[in-house]
C-alpha atoms as a PDB file:
ATOM      1  CA  MET A   1      10.198 -35.006  92.275  1.00  0.00           C
ATOM      2  CA  PRO A   2       7.820 -33.367  89.460  1.00  0.00           C
ATOM      3  CA  GLN A   3       8.636 -30.427  87.354  1.00  0.00           C
ATOM      4  CA  LEU A   4       7.549 -27.990  84.984  1.00  0.00           C
ATOM      5  CA  VAL A   5       8.674 -28.670  81.524  1.00  0.00           C
ATOM      6  CA  SER A   6       7.682 -27.388  77.947  1.00  0.00           C
ATOM      7  CA  PRO A   7       5.118 -29.653  75.943  1.00  0.00           C
ATOM      8  CA  THR A   8       6.737 -32.563  74.904  1.00  0.00           C
ATOM      9  CA  VAL A   9       6.139 -35.912  73.081  1.00  0.00           C
ATOM     10  CA  ALA A  10       8.033 -37.848  75.732  1.00  0.00           C
ATOM     11  CA  VAL A  11       4.721 -38.022  78.092  1.00  0.00           C
ATOM     12  CA  MET A  12       2.366 -38.760  75.038  1.00  0.00           C
ATOM     13  CA  GLN A  13       0.808 -42.037  76.397  1.00  0.00           C
ATOM     14  CA  SER A  14       0.407 -40.451  79.551  1.00  0.00           C
ATOM     15  CA  PHE A  15      -0.911 -37.331  78.649  1.00  0.00           C
ATOM     16  CA  LEU A  16      -3.363 -39.326  76.374  1.00  0.00           C
ATOM     17  CA  GLY A  17      -4.397 -41.473  79.773  1.00  0.00           C
ATOM     18  CA  ALA A  18      -5.022 -37.974  81.378  1.00  0.00           C
ATOM     19  CA  MET A  19      -6.979 -36.519  78.942  1.00  0.00           C
ATOM     20  CA  ASP A  20      -9.414 -39.862  78.882  1.00  0.00           C
ATOM     21  CA  GLU A  21      -9.790 -39.193  82.760  1.00  0.00           C
ATOM     22  CA  ALA A  22     -10.661 -35.833  82.070  1.00  0.00           C
ATOM     23  CA  TRP A  23     -13.190 -36.717  79.432  1.00  0.00           C
ATOM     24  CA  ARG A  24     -14.969 -39.270  81.706  1.00  0.00           C
ATOM     25  CA  GLU A  25     -14.939 -36.745  84.485  1.00  0.00           C
ATOM     26  CA  GLY A  26     -16.917 -34.595  82.059  1.00  0.00           C
ATOM     27  CA  ALA A  27     -14.388 -31.792  81.594  1.00  0.00           C
ATOM     28  CA  ASP A  28     -16.233 -28.708  80.394  1.00  0.00           C
ATOM     29  CA  ASN A  29     -15.472 -25.202  79.607  1.00  0.00           C
ATOM     30  CA  THR A  30     -11.747 -25.777  80.367  1.00  0.00           C
ATOM     31  CA  GLN A  31      -8.316 -25.564  78.671  1.00  0.00           C
ATOM     32  CA  THR A  32      -8.486 -29.324  78.519  1.00  0.00           C
ATOM     33  CA  ALA A  33     -11.897 -29.546  76.939  1.00  0.00           C
ATOM     34  CA  GLY A  34     -10.776 -27.101  74.359  1.00  0.00           C
ATOM     35  CA  TRP A  35      -7.812 -29.432  73.420  1.00  0.00           C
ATOM     36  CA  ILE A  36      -9.827 -32.421  73.406  1.00  0.00           C
ATOM     37  CA  ALA A  37     -12.184 -30.604  70.849  1.00  0.00           C
ATOM     38  CA  ARG A  38      -9.549 -29.025  68.964  1.00  0.00           C
ATOM     39  CA  TYR A  39      -7.003 -32.141  68.854  1.00  0.00           C
ATOM     40  CA  GLY A  40      -8.373 -35.497  70.014  1.00  0.00           C
ATOM     41  CA  ALA A  41      -9.214 -36.760  66.747  1.00  0.00           C
ATOM     42  CA  THR A  42      -5.718 -36.563  65.730  1.00  0.00           C
ATOM     43  CA  TRP A  43      -3.531 -36.777  68.866  1.00  0.00           C
ATOM     44  CA  HIS A  44      -3.855 -40.214  69.214  1.00  0.00           C
ATOM     45  CA  THR A  45      -0.642 -40.991  66.391  1.00  0.00           C
ATOM     46  CA  LEU A  46       3.100 -39.424  67.395  1.00  0.00           C
ATOM     47  CA  GLU A  47       2.479 -37.503  64.373  1.00  0.00           C
ATOM     48  CA  GLY A  48      -0.974 -36.039  65.252  1.00  0.00           C
ATOM     49  CA  PHE A  49       0.570 -35.651  68.868  1.00  0.00           C
ATOM     50  CA  ALA A  50       3.702 -33.938  67.628  1.00  0.00           C
ATOM     51  CA  ASP A  51       1.648 -31.635  65.604  1.00  0.00           C
ATOM     52  CA  PHE A  52      -0.176 -30.423  68.915  1.00  0.00           C
ATOM     53  CA  VAL A  53       2.910 -30.057  70.729  1.00  0.00           C
ATOM     54  CA  ALA A  54       4.286 -27.622  68.012  1.00  0.00           C
ATOM     55  CA  GLN A  55       1.049 -25.644  68.077  1.00  0.00           C
ATOM     56  CA  LEU A  56       1.588 -25.274  71.758  1.00  0.00           C
ATOM     57  CA  HIS A  57       5.206 -24.162  71.397  1.00  0.00           C
ATOM     58  CA  ALA A  58       4.088 -21.725  68.614  1.00  0.00           C
ATOM     59  CA  GLU A  59       1.084 -20.151  70.571  1.00  0.00           C
ATOM     60  CA  GLU A  60       4.069 -18.656  73.075  1.00  0.00           C
ATOM     61  CA  SER A  61       5.473 -16.471  70.236  1.00  0.00           C
ATOM     62  CA  ASP A  62       3.260 -16.346  67.141  1.00  0.00           C
ATOM     63  CA  PRO A  63       0.448 -14.211  66.935  1.00  0.00           C
ATOM     64  CA  SER A  64      -0.486 -15.491  63.488  1.00  0.00           C
ATOM     65  CA  VAL A  65      -0.957 -18.958  64.672  1.00  0.00           C
ATOM     66  CA  LEU A  66      -3.690 -18.072  67.609  1.00  0.00           C
ATOM     67  CA  PRO A  67      -7.488 -18.338  66.888  1.00  0.00           C
ATOM     68  CA  HIS A  68      -9.171 -14.951  66.801  1.00  0.00           C
ATOM     69  CA  GLY A  69      -9.149 -13.159  70.192  1.00  0.00           C
ATOM     70  CA  TRP A  70      -6.524 -15.498  72.001  1.00  0.00           C
ATOM     71  CA  VAL A  71      -3.358 -14.139  73.455  1.00  0.00           C
ATOM     72  CA  LEU A  72       0.420 -15.295  73.435  1.00  0.00           C
ATOM     73  CA  THR A  73       0.179 -18.178  75.973  1.00  0.00           C
ATOM     74  CA  SER A  74       3.168 -20.075  77.316  1.00  0.00           C
ATOM     75  CA  THR A  75       2.027 -23.928  78.541  1.00  0.00           C
ATOM     76  CA  ARG A  76       4.095 -25.880  80.838  1.00  0.00           C
ATOM     77  CA  TRP A  77       3.286 -29.532  81.831  1.00  0.00           C
ATOM     78  CA  TRP A  78       3.844 -31.035  85.298  1.00  0.00           C
ATOM     79  CA  VAL A  79       5.492 -33.974  84.823  1.00  0.00           C
ATOM     80  CA  GLU A  80       7.306 -36.415  87.025  1.00  0.00           C
ATOM     81  CA  GLY A  81       9.843 -38.562  84.820  1.00  0.00           C
ATOM     82  CA  ASP A  82       7.353 -39.578  81.634  1.00  0.00           C
ATOM     83  CA  GLU A  83       4.170 -39.408  83.850  1.00  0.00           C
ATOM     84  CA  TYR A  84       2.073 -36.127  82.735  1.00  0.00           C
ATOM     85  CA  LEU A  85       0.713 -34.634  86.033  1.00  0.00           C
ATOM     86  CA  GLY A  86      -0.751 -31.517  84.888  1.00  0.00           C
ATOM     87  CA  ARG A  87      -1.056 -28.251  83.167  1.00  0.00           C
ATOM     88  CA  ILE A  88      -0.488 -24.550  83.568  1.00  0.00           C
ATOM     89  CA  ALA A  89      -0.713 -21.826  81.114  1.00  0.00           C
ATOM     90  CA  VAL A  90       0.667 -18.332  81.597  1.00  0.00           C
ATOM     91  CA  ARG A  91      -1.281 -15.886  79.047  1.00  0.00           C
ATOM     92  CA  HIS A  92       1.263 -13.073  78.403  1.00  0.00           C
ATOM     93  CA  VAL A  93      -1.338 -10.333  78.409  1.00  0.00           C
ATOM     94  CA  LEU A  94      -5.092  -9.918  79.722  1.00  0.00           C
ATOM     95  CA  SER A  95      -7.848  -9.296  76.863  1.00  0.00           C
ATOM     96  CA  ASP A  96     -11.196  -8.160  78.145  1.00  0.00           C
ATOM     97  CA  PHE A  97     -12.444 -12.011  78.673  1.00  0.00           C
ATOM     98  CA  LEU A  98      -9.602 -12.815  80.764  1.00  0.00           C
ATOM     99  CA  ARG A  99      -9.561  -9.577  83.002  1.00  0.00           C
ATOM    100  CA  GLU A 100     -13.081 -10.760  83.504  1.00  0.00           C
ATOM    101  CA  VAL A 101     -13.077 -14.429  83.592  1.00  0.00           C
ATOM    102  CA  GLY A 102      -9.789 -16.300  82.868  1.00  0.00           C
ATOM    103  CA  GLY A 103      -6.803 -14.491  84.290  1.00  0.00           C
ATOM    104  CA  HIS A 104      -3.300 -14.633  83.509  1.00  0.00           C
ATOM    105  CA  ILE A 105      -2.726 -18.197  84.881  1.00  0.00           C
ATOM    106  CA  GLY A 106      -4.850 -21.233  84.261  1.00  0.00           C
ATOM    107  CA  TYR A 107      -3.985 -24.732  85.670  1.00  0.00           C
ATOM    108  CA  ASP A 108      -5.436 -28.079  86.042  1.00  0.00           C
ATOM    109  CA  VAL A 109      -4.507 -31.269  87.062  1.00  0.00           C
ATOM    110  CA  ARG A 110      -5.253 -34.744  86.046  1.00  0.00           C
ATOM    111  CA  PRO A 111      -8.026 -36.393  88.114  1.00  0.00           C
ATOM    112  CA  SER A 112      -5.892 -39.437  89.461  1.00  0.00           C
ATOM    113  CA  ALA A 113      -3.300 -37.011  90.259  1.00  0.00           C
ATOM    114  CA  ARG A 114      -5.277 -34.552  92.493  1.00  0.00           C
ATOM    115  CA  ARG A 115      -5.075 -33.867  96.313  1.00  0.00           C
ATOM    116  CA  ARG A 116      -1.305 -34.592  96.191  1.00  0.00           C
ATOM    117  CA  GLY A 117      -0.137 -30.494  96.246  1.00  0.00           C
ATOM    118  CA  HIS A 118       0.412 -30.468  92.715  1.00  0.00           C
ATOM    119  CA  ALA A 119      -1.744 -27.628  91.783  1.00  0.00           C
ATOM    120  CA  THR A 120       0.195 -25.608  94.585  1.00  0.00           C
ATOM    121  CA  ALA A 121       3.381 -26.563  93.535  1.00  0.00           C
ATOM    122  CA  MET A 122       2.961 -25.908  89.827  1.00  0.00           C
ATOM    123  CA  LEU A 123       1.402 -22.390  90.515  1.00  0.00           C
ATOM    124  CA  ARG A 124       4.594 -21.648  92.741  1.00  0.00           C
ATOM    125  CA  ALA A 125       6.754 -22.773  89.963  1.00  0.00           C
ATOM    126  CA  VAL A 126       5.188 -20.996  87.379  1.00  0.00           C
ATOM    127  CA  LEU A 127       5.422 -17.469  89.027  1.00  0.00           C
ATOM    128  CA  PRO A 128       9.104 -16.538  88.416  1.00  0.00           C
ATOM    129  CA  TYR A 129       8.439 -17.129  84.709  1.00  0.00           C
ATOM    130  CA  ALA A 130       5.354 -14.964  84.728  1.00  0.00           C
ATOM    131  CA  HIS A 131       7.571 -12.148  86.562  1.00  0.00           C
ATOM    132  CA  GLU A 132       9.888 -12.962  83.692  1.00  0.00           C
ATOM    133  CA  LEU A 133       7.581 -12.144  81.110  1.00  0.00           C
ATOM    134  CA  GLY A 134       7.044  -8.721  83.188  1.00  0.00           C
ATOM    135  CA  ILE A 135       3.753 -10.089  84.910  1.00  0.00           C
ATOM    136  CA  ASP A 136       3.525  -8.812  88.421  1.00  0.00           C
ATOM    137  CA  PRO A 137       1.248  -9.317  90.171  1.00  0.00           C
ATOM    138  CA  ALA A 138      -0.720 -11.993  88.263  1.00  0.00           C
ATOM    139  CA  LEU A 139      -4.606 -12.473  87.980  1.00  0.00           C
ATOM    140  CA  VAL A 140      -5.749 -15.735  88.826  1.00  0.00           C
ATOM    141  CA  THR A 141      -9.346 -17.043  88.929  1.00  0.00           C
ATOM    142  CA  CYS A 142     -11.367 -19.724  90.039  1.00  0.00           C
ATOM    143  CA  ASP A 143     -14.866 -20.637  90.503  1.00  0.00           C
ATOM    144  CA  ASP A 144     -16.410 -19.092  93.174  1.00  0.00           C
ATOM    145  CA  ASP A 145     -17.199 -23.070  94.726  1.00  0.00           C
ATOM    146  CA  ASN A 146     -14.039 -24.155  93.742  1.00  0.00           C
ATOM    147  CA  VAL A 147     -12.467 -24.747  97.294  1.00  0.00           C
ATOM    148  CA  PRO A 148      -9.588 -26.479  96.215  1.00  0.00           C
ATOM    149  CA  SER A 149      -8.485 -24.043  93.920  1.00  0.00           C
ATOM    150  CA  ILE A 150      -9.463 -21.082  96.371  1.00  0.00           C
ATOM    151  CA  ARG A 151      -7.142 -23.019  99.049  1.00  0.00           C
ATOM    152  CA  VAL A 152      -4.078 -23.311  96.323  1.00  0.00           C
ATOM    153  CA  ILE A 153      -4.233 -19.511  95.166  1.00  0.00           C
ATOM    154  CA  GLU A 154      -4.445 -18.235  98.554  1.00  0.00           C
ATOM    155  CA  ALA A 155      -1.348 -20.566  99.395  1.00  0.00           C
ATOM    156  CA  CYS A 156       0.576 -19.092  96.986  1.00  0.00           C
ATOM    157  CA  GLY A 157       0.038 -15.184  98.100  1.00  0.00           C
ATOM    158  CA  GLY A 158      -3.326 -14.509  96.353  1.00  0.00           C
ATOM    159  CA  VAL A 159      -5.304 -11.529  97.623  1.00  0.00           C
ATOM    160  CA  LEU A 160      -9.286 -11.633  96.600  1.00  0.00           C
ATOM    161  CA  GLU A 161     -10.008  -8.505  94.821  1.00  0.00           C
ATOM    162  CA  ASP A 162     -13.485  -9.362  94.198  1.00  0.00           C
ATOM    163  CA  VAL A 163     -16.206 -12.092  92.907  1.00  0.00           C
ATOM    164  CA  ARG A 164     -17.656 -11.430  89.553  1.00  0.00           C
ATOM    165  CA  GLY A 165     -20.706 -13.585  88.656  1.00  0.00           C
ATOM    166  CA  ARG A 166     -19.461 -16.952  89.701  1.00  0.00           C
ATOM    167  CA  LYS A 167     -15.513 -16.300  89.456  1.00  0.00           C
ATOM    168  CA  ARG A 168     -13.468 -15.037  92.396  1.00  0.00           C
ATOM    169  CA  ARG A 169     -10.413 -12.722  91.402  1.00  0.00           C
ATOM    170  CA  TYR A 170      -7.310 -12.959  93.103  1.00  0.00           C
ATOM    171  CA  TRP A 171      -3.989 -11.267  92.508  1.00  0.00           C
ATOM    172  CA  VAL A 172      -0.975 -13.264  92.995  1.00  0.00           C
ATOM    173  CA  PRO A 173       2.753 -11.648  93.271  1.00  0.00           C
ATOM    174  CA  THR A 174       5.314 -13.274  91.037  1.00  0.00           C
ATOM    175  CA  SER A 175       8.148 -11.997  92.769  1.00  0.00           C
ATOM    176  CA  ALA A 176       9.879 -13.188  95.970  1.00  0.00           C
END
């Protein structure tokens, strides 16, 4: 049964396979695309991948390691055994940009694992953690034409606030 875990080198090979899938699919303007751009040249070695994982852990609590304009973010990976299925990120606060476009929570599922309920399960699983961080409700956004993501957010109790440009903005309760 899949579960949320902190980023770990234990799923390195599967993670790299997922990044290759995302690259072939044409991932753009996503967290995955950002990771590929920043770390893709070095994460194919155990040392490089360990550095990537360490950076993700540091981004949860050390503002000094964040690129300009970023906020503290807790990243969790959705894994089953040693298979990486997806990722979800909880941004601890909203910057002006995140308030308009990105929201508190962002997620994606590797292309070969889609349409199996992983995104809905991930979002449901991370909501109590967001609540522990003092986030309630959480802003979750998606593109206006992303029907699968709309279904995920609404299945988790998301209430549409509005549509701004191409982004639908939902508020999702984090408490039971």
